[in-house]
Amino acid sequence: PITVKGSYLCRDNKLISLKGCPFEINGEFNCSHNKLKTLDGVVIVRGTLNCEGNKLITLKSSLEYVDGNLLVTASLTDLESNLKYIGGEIIHTSSTKIAGFESYYEGEEMRFPKEVMNSILLEKKLKNQLPETKSSKKMKI
């Protein structure tokens, strides 16, 4: 299916890929405790995304939108991604530092607040935009 109208749970299945999974999930997406190295396949999650217990080292993938928290695995070494929006926090369940990002601890979890992540995502988006041309300035209303 292209869209799942509720939650989609595929944890503990020894999956090595999300190829063929739904493009959009309108609820929680739990793909934890598999053998995933990438989140390629899913683009939109309108709830919490739990991908703990996988072999992810980066979030670079087709994933663009997470409306809730993003729970990530201890093997993650950077937060480089194609995300355009995150509605909650990135929760990294390890004490491994991820360079260049403000975070705080809550128990054993390292949390990256959504305000920090969304400002980073916006800054990244603005850097990648082309400068305005004279014709595009004239067309603004």
Protein backbone atom coordinates (compact mmCIF):
# COMPACT_ATOMS: atom_id res chain seq x y z
CA PRO A 1 0.00 0.00 0.00
CA ILE A 2 1.06 3.57 -0.66
CA THR A 3 -0.60 4.96 2.50
CA VAL A 4 -1.47 3.28 5.79
CA LYS A 5 -4.34 4.99 7.62
CA GLY A 6 -3.14 3.90 11.08
CA SER A 7 0.02 2.61 12.69
CA TYR A 8 2.43 0.27 10.92
CA LEU A 9 4.40 -2.16 13.05
CA CYS A 10 7.13 -4.37 11.62
CA ARG A 11 9.49 -4.77 14.56
CA ASP A 12 11.57 -7.88 15.31
CA ASN A 13 11.41 -9.30 11.80
CA LYS A 14 15.09 -9.36 10.73
CA LEU A 15 14.26 -6.88 7.94
CA ILE A 16 17.27 -5.60 5.98
CA SER A 17 15.29 -3.07 3.90
CA LEU A 18 12.11 -1.00 3.97
CA LYS A 19 11.74 -1.35 0.20
CA GLY A 20 8.05 -1.83 -0.55
CA CYS A 21 6.85 -0.39 2.75
CA PRO A 22 4.16 2.31 2.73
CA PHE A 23 5.18 5.75 1.47
CA GLU A 24 3.03 7.47 4.12
CA ILE A 25 2.04 6.20 7.56
CA ASN A 26 -0.73 8.10 9.36
CA GLY A 27 0.21 6.85 12.82
CA GLU A 28 3.14 5.30 14.65
CA PHE A 29 5.79 3.49 12.61
CA ASN A 30 7.75 0.90 14.57
CA CYS A 31 10.52 -0.79 12.61
CA SER A 32 12.72 -1.36 15.65
CA HIS A 33 14.99 -4.35 16.25
CA ASN A 34 15.58 -5.35 12.65
CA LYS A 35 18.77 -5.22 10.59
CA LEU A 36 18.11 -1.95 8.77
CA LYS A 37 21.05 0.18 7.62
CA THR A 38 18.83 2.87 6.06
CA LEU A 39 15.27 4.18 6.35
CA ASP A 40 14.86 4.40 2.56
CA GLY A 41 11.30 3.55 1.58
CA VAL A 42 9.18 5.57 3.96
CA VAL A 43 8.79 9.35 3.42
CA ILE A 44 6.08 10.57 5.82
CA VAL A 45 5.30 9.38 9.36
CA ARG A 46 2.45 11.25 11.05
CA GLY A 47 3.33 9.88 14.49
CA THR A 48 6.38 8.59 16.33
CA LEU A 49 9.03 6.68 14.38
CA ASN A 50 10.87 4.03 16.39
CA CYS A 51 13.91 2.64 14.61
CA GLU A 52 15.93 1.61 17.66
CA GLY A 53 17.94 -1.60 17.60
CA ASN A 54 18.92 -1.43 13.92
CA LYS A 55 22.29 -0.92 12.25
CA LEU A 56 21.67 2.68 11.18
CA ILE A 57 24.70 4.97 11.18
CA THR A 58 22.97 7.90 9.44
CA LEU A 59 19.45 9.20 8.86
CA LYS A 60 20.15 10.06 5.20
CA SER A 61 17.25 8.40 3.41
CA SER A 62 13.92 9.11 1.72
CA LEU A 63 12.44 10.12 5.11
CA GLU A 64 11.30 13.77 5.01
CA TYR A 65 8.61 14.23 7.67
CA VAL A 66 8.08 12.87 11.20
CA ASP A 67 5.24 14.41 13.20
CA GLY A 68 6.22 12.84 16.53
CA ASN A 69 9.45 11.74 18.18
CA LEU A 70 12.18 9.90 16.32
CA LEU A 71 13.78 7.16 18.41
CA VAL A 72 17.13 6.18 16.95
CA THR A 73 19.70 3.50 17.52
CA ALA A 74 22.94 3.60 19.46
CA SER A 75 25.02 3.05 16.30
CA LEU A 76 23.95 6.42 14.85
CA THR A 77 26.97 8.70 14.54
CA ASP A 78 25.48 11.79 12.90
CA LEU A 79 22.14 13.47 12.35
CA GLU A 80 22.67 14.26 8.67
CA SER A 81 19.33 13.63 6.98
CA ASN A 82 16.83 14.67 4.33
CA LEU A 83 14.27 15.56 7.00
CA LYS A 84 12.28 18.71 6.32
CA TYR A 85 10.24 18.60 9.54
CA ILE A 86 10.19 16.84 12.89
CA GLY A 87 7.34 17.47 15.31
CA GLY A 88 8.95 15.93 18.37
CA GLU A 89 12.46 15.23 19.55
CA ILE A 90 15.17 12.98 18.26
CA ILE A 91 15.83 10.55 21.08
CA HIS A 92 19.21 8.84 20.84
CA THR A 93 19.32 5.88 23.22
CA SER A 94 23.04 5.97 23.82
CA SER A 95 25.60 8.10 25.58
CA THR A 96 27.58 8.37 22.33
CA LYS A 97 27.99 12.09 21.57
CA ILE A 98 26.85 13.34 18.21
CA ALA A 99 29.10 16.22 17.27
CA GLY A 100 27.69 19.63 16.47
CA PHE A 101 24.25 19.26 18.04
CA GLU A 102 22.81 20.68 21.26
CA SER A 103 21.21 17.99 23.37
CA TYR A 104 20.19 17.20 26.91
CA TYR A 105 19.94 13.98 28.86
CA GLU A 106 16.82 12.49 30.37
CA GLY A 107 17.86 9.32 32.18
CA GLU A 108 19.90 7.26 29.74
CA GLU A 109 18.52 9.04 26.67
CA MET A 110 20.13 11.88 24.77
CA ARG A 111 17.42 14.20 23.43
CA PHE A 112 17.63 16.73 20.62
CA PRO A 113 14.73 19.22 21.06
CA LYS A 114 12.51 19.87 18.05
CA GLU A 115 13.26 23.61 18.14
CA VAL A 116 16.96 22.88 17.71
CA MET A 117 16.37 20.29 14.99
CA ASN A 118 13.86 22.39 13.03
CA SER A 119 16.13 25.46 13.12
CA ILE A 120 18.96 23.28 11.77
CA LEU A 121 16.66 21.86 9.08
CA LEU A 122 15.50 25.37 8.10
CA GLU A 123 19.06 26.67 7.98
CA LYS A 124 20.06 23.71 5.79
CA LYS A 125 17.08 24.34 3.49
CA LEU A 126 17.91 28.05 3.15
CA LYS A 127 21.55 27.28 2.32
CA ASN A 128 20.42 24.96 -0.48
CA GLN A 129 18.06 27.51 -2.08
CA LEU A 130 19.18 29.51 -5.06
CA PRO A 131 19.40 33.28 -4.65
CA GLU A 132 16.45 35.28 -5.91
CA THR A 133 16.64 36.65 -9.42
CA LYS A 134 15.21 40.01 -10.51
CA SER A 135 12.31 38.29 -12.28
CA SER A 136 11.38 36.21 -9.20
CA LYS A 137 11.38 39.37 -7.03
CA LYS A 138 8.93 41.08 -9.44
CA MET A 139 6.53 38.12 -9.30
CA LYS A 140 6.09 38.24 -5.50
CA ILE A 141 2.74 39.50 -4.25
